Amino acid sequence: MQLLPVYRVTVFVPPEYVETLRAGIHAVDALALGDYSEVMWITPGGQEEFRPGAAAHPTLGSAGELVRSDTVRIEFAIPRDAERLQRVLSEGVHRHHPWEVPAVFVDESWFPMPEVAT
């Protein structure tokens, strides 16, 4: 077993934007792990909550209003390369996400890659 150092990226997005965001991320990076590409985990069924401040320009709701919205969790992993991460976040996630400030979390993690028999 080989442990690959990766960034695990978690993004929350409204259900109607899942395909737009997914395609935008894949256009920037293949998200390859081993012999697989476009590796992504998509978990529906959550909610997010926020209250925009006076200077915010929210896509949903208005300043001062508590907003609750359905959300989908998207996760993927890329090798720990800071430039690659920056490109995926700016050109893939932020460019294709509807929120002014998307809920995005990046963790340093390890992906256990089984040894391939030759």
PDB file of N, CA and C in Angstrom:
ATOM      1  N   MET A   1       0.846  -1.178   0.000  1.00  0.00           N
ATOM      2  CA  MET A   1       0.000   0.000   0.000  1.00  0.00           C
ATOM      3  C   MET A   1       0.891   1.241   0.000  1.00  0.00           C
ATOM      4  N   GLN A   2       0.601   2.134  -0.889  1.00  0.00           N
ATOM      5  CA  GLN A   2       1.340   3.394  -0.965  1.00  0.00           C
ATOM      6  C   GLN A   2       0.413   4.518  -0.531  1.00  0.00           C
ATOM      7  N   LEU A   3       0.891   5.378   0.379  1.00  0.00           N
ATOM      8  CA  LEU A   3       0.105   6.531   0.818  1.00  0.00           C
ATOM      9  C   LEU A   3       0.511   7.749  -0.004  1.00  0.00           C
ATOM     10  N   LEU A   4      -0.442   8.267  -0.782  1.00  0.00           N
ATOM     11  CA  LEU A   4      -0.179   9.441  -1.613  1.00  0.00           C
ATOM     12  C   LEU A   4      -0.583  10.698  -0.869  1.00  0.00           C
ATOM     13  N   PRO A   5       0.329  11.684  -0.739  1.00  0.00           N
ATOM     14  CA  PRO A   5      -0.054  12.945  -0.103  1.00  0.00           C
ATOM     15  C   PRO A   5      -0.954  13.744  -1.060  1.00  0.00           C
ATOM     16  N   VAL A   6      -2.146  14.098  -0.596  1.00  0.00           N
ATOM     17  CA  VAL A   6      -3.107  14.806  -1.442  1.00  0.00           C
ATOM     18  C   VAL A   6      -3.721  15.980  -0.683  1.00  0.00           C
ATOM     19  N   TYR A   7      -4.300  16.895  -1.457  1.00  0.00           N
ATOM     20  CA  TYR A   7      -5.231  17.875  -0.908  1.00  0.00           C
ATOM     21  C   TYR A   7      -6.620  17.296  -1.121  1.00  0.00           C
ATOM     22  N   ARG A   8      -7.406  17.220  -0.065  1.00  0.00           N
ATOM     23  CA  ARG A   8      -8.802  16.815  -0.194  1.00  0.00           C
ATOM     24  C   ARG A   8      -9.622  18.105  -0.185  1.00  0.00           C
ATOM     25  N   VAL A   9     -10.361  18.326  -1.257  1.00  0.00           N
ATOM     26  CA  VAL A   9     -11.144  19.545  -1.417  1.00  0.00           C
ATOM     27  C   VAL A   9     -12.616  19.192  -1.274  1.00  0.00           C
ATOM     28  N   THR A  10     -13.302  19.909  -0.407  1.00  0.00           N
ATOM     29  CA  THR A  10     -14.732  19.734  -0.189  1.00  0.00           C
ATOM     30  C   THR A  10     -15.425  21.037  -0.552  1.00  0.00           C
ATOM     31  N   VAL A  11     -16.459  20.937  -1.383  1.00  0.00           N
ATOM     32  CA  VAL A  11     -17.213  22.107  -1.834  1.00  0.00           C
ATOM     33  C   VAL A  11     -18.697  21.825  -1.645  1.00  0.00           C
ATOM     34  N   PHE A  12     -19.417  22.801  -1.117  1.00  0.00           N
ATOM     35  CA  PHE A  12     -20.864  22.697  -1.000  1.00  0.00           C
ATOM     36  C   PHE A  12     -21.494  23.586  -2.065  1.00  0.00           C
ATOM     37  N   VAL A  13     -22.486  23.045  -2.793  1.00  0.00           N
ATOM     38  CA  VAL A  13     -23.078  23.761  -3.925  1.00  0.00           C
ATOM     39  C   VAL A  13     -24.573  23.429  -4.009  1.00  0.00           C
ATOM     40  N   PRO A  14     -25.400  24.392  -4.440  1.00  0.00           N
ATOM     41  CA  PRO A  14     -26.822  24.087  -4.628  1.00  0.00           C
ATOM     42  C   PRO A  14     -26.990  22.978  -5.670  1.00  0.00           C
ATOM     43  N   PRO A  15     -27.986  22.103  -5.497  1.00  0.00           N
ATOM     44  CA  PRO A  15     -28.167  20.965  -6.408  1.00  0.00           C
ATOM     45  C   PRO A  15     -28.223  21.342  -7.886  1.00  0.00           C
ATOM     46  N   GLU A  16     -28.846  22.451  -8.213  1.00  0.00           N
ATOM     47  CA  GLU A  16     -28.988  22.832  -9.622  1.00  0.00           C
ATOM     48  C   GLU A  16     -27.676  23.273 -10.266  1.00  0.00           C
ATOM     49  N   TYR A  17     -26.595  23.429  -9.475  1.00  0.00           N
ATOM     50  CA  TYR A  17     -25.297  23.834 -10.018  1.00  0.00           C
ATOM     51  C   TYR A  17     -24.259  22.724  -9.984  1.00  0.00           C
ATOM     52  N   VAL A  18     -24.652  21.519  -9.542  1.00  0.00           N
ATOM     53  CA  VAL A  18     -23.690  20.414  -9.430  1.00  0.00           C
ATOM     54  C   VAL A  18     -23.019  20.130 -10.767  1.00  0.00           C
ATOM     55  N   GLU A  19     -23.782  19.983 -11.834  1.00  0.00           N
ATOM     56  CA  GLU A  19     -23.189  19.627 -13.132  1.00  0.00           C
ATOM     57  C   GLU A  19     -22.313  20.751 -13.681  1.00  0.00           C
ATOM     58  N   THR A  20     -22.718  21.998 -13.498  1.00  0.00           N
ATOM     59  CA  THR A  20     -21.905  23.132 -13.942  1.00  0.00           C
ATOM     60  C   THR A  20     -20.573  23.146 -13.213  1.00  0.00           C
ATOM     61  N   LEU A  21     -20.621  22.966 -11.895  1.00  0.00           N
ATOM     62  CA  LEU A  21     -19.398  22.975 -11.099  1.00  0.00           C
ATOM     63  C   LEU A  21     -18.526  21.772 -11.437  1.00  0.00           C
ATOM     64  N   ARG A  22     -19.134  20.604 -11.535  1.00  0.00           N
ATOM     65  CA  ARG A  22     -18.385  19.391 -11.871  1.00  0.00           C
ATOM     66  C   ARG A  22     -17.663  19.549 -13.200  1.00  0.00           C
ATOM     67  N   ALA A  23     -18.366  20.008 -14.215  1.00  0.00           N
ATOM     68  CA  ALA A  23     -17.756  20.191 -15.542  1.00  0.00           C
ATOM     69  C   ALA A  23     -16.659  21.259 -15.506  1.00  0.00           C
ATOM     70  N   GLY A  24     -16.875  22.324 -14.752  1.00  0.00           N
ATOM     71  CA  GLY A  24     -15.866  23.375 -14.645  1.00  0.00           C
ATOM     72  C   GLY A  24     -14.584  22.893 -14.001  1.00  0.00           C
ATOM     73  N   ILE A  25     -14.698  22.072 -12.969  1.00  0.00           N
ATOM     74  CA  ILE A  25     -13.516  21.512 -12.302  1.00  0.00           C
ATOM     75  C   ILE A  25     -12.796  20.550 -13.238  1.00  0.00           C
ATOM     76  N   HIS A  26     -13.549  19.676 -13.906  1.00  0.00           N
ATOM     77  CA  HIS A  26     -12.937  18.703 -14.815  1.00  0.00           C
ATOM     78  C   HIS A  26     -12.277  19.386 -16.015  1.00  0.00           C
ATOM     79  N   ALA A  27     -12.746  20.558 -16.419  1.00  0.00           N
ATOM     80  CA  ALA A  27     -12.122  21.286 -17.524  1.00  0.00           C
ATOM     81  C   ALA A  27     -10.739  21.815 -17.140  1.00  0.00           C
ATOM     82  N   VAL A  28     -10.510  21.972 -15.848  1.00  0.00           N
ATOM     83  CA  VAL A  28      -9.238  22.514 -15.355  1.00  0.00           C
ATOM     84  C   VAL A  28      -8.264  21.408 -14.963  1.00  0.00           C
ATOM     85  N   ASP A  29      -8.790  20.288 -14.453  1.00  0.00           N
ATOM     86  CA  ASP A  29      -7.922  19.219 -13.946  1.00  0.00           C
ATOM     87  C   ASP A  29      -8.596  17.869 -14.164  1.00  0.00           C
ATOM     88  N   ALA A  30      -7.829  16.869 -14.512  1.00  0.00           N
ATOM     89  CA  ALA A  30      -8.360  15.524 -14.761  1.00  0.00           C
ATOM     90  C   ALA A  30      -8.774  14.794 -13.485  1.00  0.00           C
ATOM     91  N   LEU A  31      -8.334  15.287 -12.320  1.00  0.00           N
ATOM     92  CA  LEU A  31      -8.627  14.638 -11.038  1.00  0.00           C
ATOM     93  C   LEU A  31      -8.303  13.148 -11.090  1.00  0.00           C
ATOM     94  N   ALA A  32      -7.088  12.853 -11.505  1.00  0.00           N
ATOM     95  CA  ALA A  32      -6.655  11.462 -11.651  1.00  0.00           C
ATOM     96  C   ALA A  32      -6.064  10.921 -10.349  1.00  0.00           C
ATOM     97  N   LEU A  33      -6.460   9.698 -10.031  1.00  0.00           N
ATOM     98  CA  LEU A  33      -5.876   8.933  -8.929  1.00  0.00           C
ATOM     99  C   LEU A  33      -5.583   7.542  -9.473  1.00  0.00           C
ATOM    100  N   GLY A  34      -4.319   7.202  -9.556  1.00  0.00           N
ATOM    101  CA  GLY A  34      -3.950   5.909 -10.130  1.00  0.00           C
ATOM    102  C   GLY A  34      -4.398   5.820 -11.575  1.00  0.00           C
ATOM    103  N   ASP A  35      -5.051   4.735 -11.926  1.00  0.00           N
ATOM    104  CA  ASP A  35      -5.512   4.512 -13.300  1.00  0.00           C
ATOM    105  C   ASP A  35      -6.910   5.069 -13.557  1.00  0.00           C
ATOM    106  N   TYR A  36      -7.415   5.914 -12.674  1.00  0.00           N
ATOM    107  CA  TYR A  36      -8.759   6.480 -12.813  1.00  0.00           C
ATOM    108  C   TYR A  36      -8.665   7.999 -12.937  1.00  0.00           C
ATOM    109  N   SER A  37      -9.543   8.562 -13.750  1.00  0.00           N
ATOM    110  CA  SER A  37      -9.616  10.020 -13.851  1.00  0.00           C
ATOM    111  C   SER A  37     -11.031  10.478 -13.516  1.00  0.00           C
ATOM    112  N   GLU A  38     -11.187  11.761 -13.370  1.00  0.00           N
ATOM    113  CA  GLU A  38     -12.473  12.372 -12.999  1.00  0.00           C
ATOM    114  C   GLU A  38     -13.032  11.752 -11.718  1.00  0.00           C
ATOM    115  N   VAL A  39     -12.136  11.541 -10.744  1.00  0.00           N
ATOM    116  CA  VAL A  39     -12.509  10.935  -9.473  1.00  0.00           C
ATOM    117  C   VAL A  39     -13.117  12.014  -8.574  1.00  0.00           C
ATOM    118  N   MET A  40     -14.365  11.809  -8.204  1.00  0.00           N
ATOM    119  CA  MET A  40     -15.094  12.788  -7.423  1.00  0.00           C
ATOM    120  C   MET A  40     -16.169  12.056  -6.627  1.00  0.00           C
ATOM    121  N   TRP A  41     -16.448  12.541  -5.413  1.00  0.00           N
ATOM    122  CA  TRP A  41     -17.507  11.984  -4.587  1.00  0.00           C
ATOM    123  C   TRP A  41     -18.580  13.052  -4.433  1.00  0.00           C
ATOM    124  N   ILE A  42     -19.820  12.699  -4.727  1.00  0.00           N
ATOM    125  CA  ILE A  42     -20.923  13.651  -4.697  1.00  0.00           C
ATOM    126  C   ILE A  42     -21.984  13.111  -3.736  1.00  0.00           C
ATOM    127  N   THR A  43     -22.284  13.884  -2.696  1.00  0.00           N
ATOM    128  CA  THR A  43     -23.235  13.475  -1.673  1.00  0.00           C
ATOM    129  C   THR A  43     -24.357  14.498  -1.576  1.00  0.00           C
ATOM    130  N   PRO A  44     -25.567  14.123  -1.976  1.00  0.00           N
ATOM    131  CA  PRO A  44     -26.698  15.055  -1.898  1.00  0.00           C
ATOM    132  C   PRO A  44     -27.343  15.053  -0.515  1.00  0.00           C
ATOM    133  N   GLY A  45     -28.298  15.945  -0.337  1.00  0.00           N
ATOM    134  CA  GLY A  45     -29.169  15.854   0.817  1.00  0.00           C
ATOM    135  C   GLY A  45     -28.852  16.719   2.012  1.00  0.00           C
ATOM    136  N   GLY A  46     -28.032  17.739   1.877  1.00  0.00           N
ATOM    137  CA  GLY A  46     -27.732  18.598   3.014  1.00  0.00           C
ATOM    138  C   GLY A  46     -28.378  19.966   2.882  1.00  0.00           C
ATOM    139  N   GLN A  47     -28.116  20.801   3.868  1.00  0.00           N
ATOM    140  CA  GLN A  47     -28.550  22.189   3.822  1.00  0.00           C
ATOM    141  C   GLN A  47     -27.410  23.060   4.305  1.00  0.00           C
ATOM    142  N   GLU A  48     -27.368  24.282   3.792  1.00  0.00           N
ATOM    143  CA  GLU A  48     -26.437  25.265   4.320  1.00  0.00           C
ATOM    144  C   GLU A  48     -27.232  26.478   4.752  1.00  0.00           C
ATOM    145  N   GLU A  49     -26.647  27.241   5.665  1.00  0.00           N
ATOM    146  CA  GLU A  49     -27.337  28.390   6.235  1.00  0.00           C
ATOM    147  C   GLU A  49     -26.361  29.550   6.319  1.00  0.00           C
ATOM    148  N   PHE A  50     -26.842  30.747   6.030  1.00  0.00           N
ATOM    149  CA  PHE A  50     -25.992  31.938   6.097  1.00  0.00           C
ATOM    150  C   PHE A  50     -26.856  33.176   6.196  1.00  0.00           C
ATOM    151  N   ARG A  51     -26.249  34.253   6.716  1.00  0.00           N
ATOM    152  CA  ARG A  51     -26.908  35.549   6.807  1.00  0.00           C
ATOM    153  C   ARG A  51     -25.969  36.568   6.148  1.00  0.00           C
ATOM    154  N   PRO A  52     -26.284  37.043   4.944  1.00  0.00           N
ATOM    155  CA  PRO A  52     -25.417  38.011   4.265  1.00  0.00           C
ATOM    156  C   PRO A  52     -25.312  39.319   5.048  1.00  0.00           C
ATOM    157  N   GLY A  53     -24.101  39.862   5.093  1.00  0.00           N
ATOM    158  CA  GLY A  53     -23.876  41.151   5.730  1.00  0.00           C
ATOM    159  C   GLY A  53     -24.311  42.295   4.826  1.00  0.00           C
ATOM    160  N   ALA A  54     -24.234  43.520   5.337  1.00  0.00           N
ATOM    161  CA  ALA A  54     -24.696  44.711   4.611  1.00  0.00           C
ATOM    162  C   ALA A  54     -23.955  44.925   3.292  1.00  0.00           C
ATOM    163  N   ALA A  55     -22.676  44.551   3.217  1.00  0.00           N
ATOM    164  CA  ALA A  55     -21.884  44.788   2.002  1.00  0.00           C
ATOM    165  C   ALA A  55     -21.902  43.591   1.041  1.00  0.00           C
ATOM    166  N   ALA A  56     -22.573  42.516   1.421  1.00  0.00           N
ATOM    167  CA  ALA A  56     -22.603  41.307   0.581  1.00  0.00           C
ATOM    168  C   ALA A  56     -23.509  41.508  -0.634  1.00  0.00           C
ATOM    169  N   HIS A  57     -23.231  40.721  -1.670  1.00  0.00           N
ATOM    170  CA  HIS A  57     -24.042  40.689  -2.891  1.00  0.00           C
ATOM    171  C   HIS A  57     -24.481  39.236  -3.117  1.00  0.00           C
ATOM    172  N   PRO A  58     -25.395  38.740  -2.267  1.00  0.00           N
ATOM    173  CA  PRO A  58     -25.740  37.317  -2.324  1.00  0.00           C
ATOM    174  C   PRO A  58     -26.537  36.942  -3.567  1.00  0.00           C
ATOM    175  N   THR A  59     -26.292  35.740  -4.042  1.00  0.00           N
ATOM    176  CA  THR A  59     -27.065  35.170  -5.144  1.00  0.00           C
ATOM    177  C   THR A  59     -28.460  34.819  -4.662  1.00  0.00           C
ATOM    178  N   LEU A  60     -28.566  34.448  -3.407  1.00  0.00           N
ATOM    179  CA  LEU A  60     -29.824  34.035  -2.807  1.00  0.00           C
ATOM    180  C   LEU A  60     -30.030  34.843  -1.534  1.00  0.00           C
ATOM    181  N   GLY A  61     -31.222  35.370  -1.318  1.00  0.00           N
ATOM    182  CA  GLY A  61     -31.516  36.137  -0.111  1.00  0.00           C
ATOM    183  C   GLY A  61     -31.047  37.574  -0.232  1.00  0.00           C
ATOM    184  N   SER A  62     -31.094  38.279   0.888  1.00  0.00           N
ATOM    185  CA  SER A  62     -30.668  39.676   0.906  1.00  0.00           C
ATOM    186  C   SER A  62     -29.987  39.969   2.237  1.00  0.00           C
ATOM    187  N   ALA A  63     -29.314  41.109   2.300  1.00  0.00           N
ATOM    188  CA  ALA A  63     -28.557  41.495   3.491  1.00  0.00           C
ATOM    189  C   ALA A  63     -29.436  41.420   4.735  1.00  0.00           C
ATOM    190  N   GLY A  64     -28.910  40.800   5.771  1.00  0.00           N
ATOM    191  CA  GLY A  64     -29.609  40.697   7.036  1.00  0.00           C
ATOM    192  C   GLY A  64     -30.585  39.540   7.147  1.00  0.00           C
ATOM    193  N   GLU A  65     -30.924  38.903   6.040  1.00  0.00           N
ATOM    194  CA  GLU A  65     -31.894  37.812   6.021  1.00  0.00           C
ATOM    195  C   GLU A  65     -31.185  36.471   6.240  1.00  0.00           C
ATOM    196  N   LEU A  66     -31.709  35.668   7.162  1.00  0.00           N
ATOM    197  CA  LEU A  66     -31.173  34.321   7.356  1.00  0.00           C
ATOM    198  C   LEU A  66     -31.686  33.444   6.228  1.00  0.00           C
ATOM    199  N   VAL A  67     -30.757  32.813   5.508  1.00  0.00           N
ATOM    200  CA  VAL A  67     -31.104  31.992   4.348  1.00  0.00           C
ATOM    201  C   VAL A  67     -30.725  30.549   4.642  1.00  0.00           C
ATOM    202  N   ARG A  68     -31.595  29.635   4.295  1.00  0.00           N
ATOM    203  CA  ARG A  68     -31.309  28.201   4.380  1.00  0.00           C
ATOM    204  C   ARG A  68     -31.568  27.636   2.993  1.00  0.00           C
ATOM    205  N   SER A  69     -30.600  26.881   2.477  1.00  0.00           N
ATOM    206  CA  SER A  69     -30.677  26.389   1.105  1.00  0.00           C
ATOM    207  C   SER A  69     -30.229  24.933   1.037  1.00  0.00           C
ATOM    208  N   ASP A  70     -30.872  24.151   0.161  1.00  0.00           N
ATOM    209  CA  ASP A  70     -30.414  22.780  -0.080  1.00  0.00           C
ATOM    210  C   ASP A  70     -29.011  22.821  -0.660  1.00  0.00           C
ATOM    211  N   THR A  71     -28.218  21.810  -0.334  1.00  0.00           N
ATOM    212  CA  THR A  71     -26.844  21.780  -0.812  1.00  0.00           C
ATOM    213  C   THR A  71     -26.398  20.350  -1.091  1.00  0.00           C
ATOM    214  N   VAL A  72     -25.396  20.237  -1.942  1.00  0.00           N
ATOM    215  CA  VAL A  72     -24.761  18.972  -2.284  1.00  0.00           C
ATOM    216  C   VAL A  72     -23.280  19.099  -1.939  1.00  0.00           C
ATOM    217  N   ARG A  73     -22.730  18.056  -1.375  1.00  0.00           N
ATOM    218  CA  ARG A  73     -21.305  18.036  -1.017  1.00  0.00           C
ATOM    219  C   ARG A  73     -20.534  17.361  -2.152  1.00  0.00           C
ATOM    220  N   ILE A  74     -19.528  18.048  -2.675  1.00  0.00           N
ATOM    221  CA  ILE A  74     -18.647  17.494  -3.699  1.00  0.00           C
ATOM    222  C   ILE A  74     -17.245  17.425  -3.102  1.00  0.00           C
ATOM    223  N   GLU A  75     -16.606  16.277  -3.235  1.00  0.00           N
ATOM    224  CA  GLU A  75     -15.238  16.109  -2.737  1.00  0.00           C
ATOM    225  C   GLU A  75     -14.374  15.498  -3.821  1.00  0.00           C
ATOM    226  N   PHE A  76     -13.122  15.921  -3.832  1.00  0.00           N
ATOM    227  CA  PHE A  76     -12.145  15.326  -4.738  1.00  0.00           C
ATOM    228  C   PHE A  76     -10.766  15.498  -4.129  1.00  0.00           C
ATOM    229  N   ALA A  77      -9.802  14.776  -4.683  1.00  0.00           N
ATOM    230  CA  ALA A  77      -8.427  14.836  -4.181  1.00  0.00           C
ATOM    231  C   ALA A  77      -7.470  15.078  -5.341  1.00  0.00           C
ATOM    232  N   ILE A  78      -6.465  15.900  -5.072  1.00  0.00           N
ATOM    233  CA  ILE A  78      -5.394  16.123  -6.048  1.00  0.00           C
ATOM    234  C   ILE A  78      -4.063  16.026  -5.311  1.00  0.00           C
ATOM    235  N   PRO A  79      -2.990  15.661  -6.021  1.00  0.00           N
ATOM    236  CA  PRO A  79      -1.678  15.624  -5.379  1.00  0.00           C
ATOM    237  C   PRO A  79      -1.346  16.984  -4.748  1.00  0.00           C
ATOM    238  N   ARG A  80      -0.572  16.970  -3.693  1.00  0.00           N
ATOM    239  CA  ARG A  80      -0.216  18.209  -2.995  1.00  0.00           C
ATOM    240  C   ARG A  80       0.745  19.034  -3.844  1.00  0.00           C
ATOM    241  N   ASP A  81       0.155  19.909  -4.613  1.00  0.00           N
ATOM    242  CA  ASP A  81       0.872  20.848  -5.474  1.00  0.00           C
ATOM    243  C   ASP A  81       0.124  22.176  -5.331  1.00  0.00           C
ATOM    244  N   ALA A  82       0.739  23.143  -4.658  1.00  0.00           N
ATOM    245  CA  ALA A  82       0.058  24.397  -4.327  1.00  0.00           C
ATOM    246  C   ALA A  82      -0.411  25.161  -5.562  1.00  0.00           C
ATOM    247  N   GLU A  83       0.384  25.178  -6.627  1.00  0.00           N
ATOM    248  CA  GLU A  83      -0.017  25.881  -7.855  1.00  0.00           C
ATOM    249  C   GLU A  83      -1.216  25.194  -8.503  1.00  0.00           C
ATOM    250  N   ARG A  84      -1.188  23.897  -8.531  1.00  0.00           N
ATOM    251  CA  ARG A  84      -2.310  23.135  -9.095  1.00  0.00           C
ATOM    252  C   ARG A  84      -3.583  23.380  -8.275  1.00  0.00           C
ATOM    253  N   LEU A  85      -3.452  23.365  -6.959  1.00  0.00           N
ATOM    254  CA  LEU A  85      -4.595  23.625  -6.088  1.00  0.00           C
ATOM    255  C   LEU A  85      -5.166  25.013  -6.359  1.00  0.00           C
ATOM    256  N   GLN A  86      -4.313  26.013  -6.447  1.00  0.00           N
ATOM    257  CA  GLN A  86      -4.761  27.386  -6.711  1.00  0.00           C
ATOM    258  C   GLN A  86      -5.520  27.465  -8.036  1.00  0.00           C
ATOM    259  N   ARG A  87      -5.020  26.797  -9.060  1.00  0.00           N
ATOM    260  CA  ARG A  87      -5.665  26.803 -10.383  1.00  0.00           C
ATOM    261  C   ARG A  87      -7.041  26.131 -10.317  1.00  0.00           C
ATOM    262  N   VAL A  88      -7.121  24.979  -9.645  1.00  0.00           N
ATOM    263  CA  VAL A  88      -8.391  24.268  -9.521  1.00  0.00           C
ATOM    264  C   VAL A  88      -9.404  25.121  -8.751  1.00  0.00           C
ATOM    265  N   LEU A  89      -8.960  25.765  -7.682  1.00  0.00           N
ATOM    266  CA  LEU A  89      -9.872  26.580  -6.883  1.00  0.00           C
ATOM    267  C   LEU A  89     -10.341  27.822  -7.639  1.00  0.00           C
ATOM    268  N   SER A  90      -9.411  28.544  -8.259  1.00  0.00           N
ATOM    269  CA  SER A  90      -9.801  29.801  -8.914  1.00  0.00           C
ATOM    270  C   SER A  90     -10.512  29.579 -10.244  1.00  0.00           C
ATOM    271  N   GLU A  91      -9.971  28.712 -11.103  1.00  0.00           N
ATOM    272  CA  GLU A  91     -10.534  28.525 -12.441  1.00  0.00           C
ATOM    273  C   GLU A  91     -11.638  27.465 -12.483  1.00  0.00           C
ATOM    274  N   GLY A  92     -11.587  26.506 -11.575  1.00  0.00           N
ATOM    275  CA  GLY A  92     -12.582  25.441 -11.578  1.00  0.00           C
ATOM    276  C   GLY A  92     -13.727  25.702 -10.620  1.00  0.00           C
ATOM    277  N   VAL A  93     -13.414  25.935  -9.349  1.00  0.00           N
ATOM    278  CA  VAL A  93     -14.457  26.076  -8.341  1.00  0.00           C
ATOM    279  C   VAL A  93     -15.069  27.475  -8.347  1.00  0.00           C
ATOM    280  N   HIS A  94     -14.274  28.491  -8.046  1.00  0.00           N
ATOM    281  CA  HIS A  94     -14.820  29.843  -7.883  1.00  0.00           C
ATOM    282  C   HIS A  94     -15.447  30.390  -9.168  1.00  0.00           C
ATOM    283  N   ARG A  95     -14.879  30.080 -10.305  1.00  0.00           N
ATOM    284  CA  ARG A  95     -15.426  30.566 -11.571  1.00  0.00           C
ATOM    285  C   ARG A  95     -16.783  29.945 -11.906  1.00  0.00           C
ATOM    286  N   HIS A  96     -17.060  28.741 -11.410  1.00  0.00           N
ATOM    287  CA  HIS A  96     -18.282  28.023 -11.784  1.00  0.00           C
ATOM    288  C   HIS A  96     -19.277  27.857 -10.637  1.00  0.00           C
ATOM    289  N   HIS A  97     -18.996  28.439  -9.497  1.00  0.00           N
ATOM    290  CA  HIS A  97     -19.879  28.343  -8.336  1.00  0.00           C
ATOM    291  C   HIS A  97     -20.762  29.578  -8.266  1.00  0.00           C
ATOM    292  N   PRO A  98     -22.056  29.425  -7.945  1.00  0.00           N
ATOM    293  CA  PRO A  98     -22.954  30.581  -7.951  1.00  0.00           C
ATOM    294  C   PRO A  98     -22.794  31.541  -6.769  1.00  0.00           C
ATOM    295  N   TRP A  99     -22.212  31.071  -5.648  1.00  0.00           N
ATOM    296  CA  TRP A  99     -22.136  31.935  -4.471  1.00  0.00           C
ATOM    297  C   TRP A  99     -20.989  32.927  -4.577  1.00  0.00           C
ATOM    298  N   GLU A 100     -21.176  34.074  -3.975  1.00  0.00           N
ATOM    299  CA  GLU A 100     -20.129  35.101  -3.890  1.00  0.00           C
ATOM    300  C   GLU A 100     -18.924  34.555  -3.109  1.00  0.00           C
ATOM    301  N   VAL A 101     -19.202  33.850  -2.025  1.00  0.00           N
ATOM    302  CA  VAL A 101     -18.156  33.215  -1.213  1.00  0.00           C
ATOM    303  C   VAL A 101     -18.568  31.755  -0.999  1.00  0.00           C
ATOM    304  N   PRO A 102     -18.127  30.853  -1.892  1.00  0.00           N
ATOM    305  CA  PRO A 102     -18.518  29.445  -1.744  1.00  0.00           C
ATOM    306  C   PRO A 102     -17.906  28.807  -0.497  1.00  0.00           C
ATOM    307  N   ALA A 103     -18.609  27.829   0.057  1.00  0.00           N
ATOM    308  CA  ALA A 103     -18.090  27.055   1.180  1.00  0.00           C
ATOM    309  C   ALA A 103     -17.144  25.998   0.610  1.00  0.00           C
ATOM    310  N   VAL A 104     -15.842  26.261   0.716  1.00  0.00           N
ATOM    311  CA  VAL A 104     -14.800  25.378   0.190  1.00  0.00           C
ATOM    312  C   VAL A 104     -13.821  25.099   1.319  1.00  0.00           C
ATOM    313  N   PHE A 105     -13.484  23.839   1.505  1.00  0.00           N
ATOM    314  CA  PHE A 105     -12.544  23.446   2.551  1.00  0.00           C
ATOM    315  C   PHE A 105     -11.451  22.590   1.938  1.00  0.00           C
ATOM    316  N   VAL A 106     -10.205  22.870   2.308  1.00  0.00           N
ATOM    317  CA  VAL A 106      -9.059  22.121   1.793  1.00  0.00           C
ATOM    318  C   VAL A 106      -8.312  21.533   2.981  1.00  0.00           C
ATOM    319  N   ASP A 107      -8.111  20.222   2.934  1.00  0.00           N
ATOM    320  CA  ASP A 107      -7.373  19.519   3.979  1.00  0.00           C
ATOM    321  C   ASP A 107      -6.197  18.791   3.365  1.00  0.00           C
ATOM    322  N   GLU A 108      -5.092  18.730   4.094  1.00  0.00           N
ATOM    323  CA  GLU A 108      -3.998  17.859   3.680  1.00  0.00           C
ATOM    324  C   GLU A 108      -4.354  16.467   4.177  1.00  0.00           C
ATOM    325  N   SER A 109      -4.283  15.505   3.286  1.00  0.00           N
ATOM    326  CA  SER A 109      -4.706  14.149   3.626  1.00  0.00           C
ATOM    327  C   SER A 109      -3.809  13.143   2.921  1.00  0.00           C
ATOM    328  N   TRP A 110      -4.112  11.885   3.111  1.00  0.00           N
ATOM    329  CA  TRP A 110      -3.382  10.796   2.467  1.00  0.00           C
ATOM    330  C   TRP A 110      -4.387   9.904   1.762  1.00  0.00           C
ATOM    331  N   PHE A 111      -4.056   9.482   0.537  1.00  0.00           N
ATOM    332  CA  PHE A 111      -4.914   8.562  -0.206  1.00  0.00           C
ATOM    333  C   PHE A 111      -4.180   7.235  -0.299  1.00  0.00           C
ATOM    334  N   PRO A 112      -4.732   6.159   0.314  1.00  0.00           N
ATOM    335  CA  PRO A 112      -4.065   4.856   0.261  1.00  0.00           C
ATOM    336  C   PRO A 112      -4.260   4.198  -1.103  1.00  0.00           C
ATOM    337  N   MET A 113      -3.174   4.086  -1.839  1.00  0.00           N
ATOM    338  CA  MET A 113      -3.213   3.504  -3.182  1.00  0.00           C
ATOM    339  C   MET A 113      -2.676   2.078  -3.105  1.00  0.00           C
ATOM    340  N   PRO A 114      -3.543   1.085  -3.411  1.00  0.00           N
ATOM    341  CA  PRO A 114      -3.084  -0.307  -3.384  1.00  0.00           C
ATOM    342  C   PRO A 114      -1.949  -0.535  -4.375  1.00  0.00           C
ATOM    343  N   GLU A 115      -1.065  -1.428  -4.047  1.00  0.00           N
ATOM    344  CA  GLU A 115      -0.007  -1.805  -4.968  1.00  0.00           C
ATOM    345  C   GLU A 115      -0.619  -2.591  -6.118  1.00  0.00           C
ATOM    346  N   VAL A 116      -0.182  -2.326  -7.314  1.00  0.00           N
ATOM    347  CA  VAL A 116      -0.690  -3.023  -8.487  1.00  0.00           C
ATOM    348  C   VAL A 116       0.217  -4.208  -8.779  1.00  0.00           C
ATOM    349  N   ALA A 117      -0.379  -5.396  -8.903  1.00  0.00           N
ATOM    350  CA  ALA A 117       0.400  -6.599  -9.206  1.00  0.00           C
ATOM    351  C   ALA A 117       0.851  -6.545 -10.671  1.00  0.00           C
ATOM    352  N   THR A 118       2.111  -6.889 -10.910  1.00  0.00           N
ATOM    353  CA  THR A 118       2.650  -6.883 -12.285  1.00  0.00           C
ATOM    354  C   THR A 118       2.838  -8.265 -12.812  1.00  0.00           C
TER     355      THR A 118
END
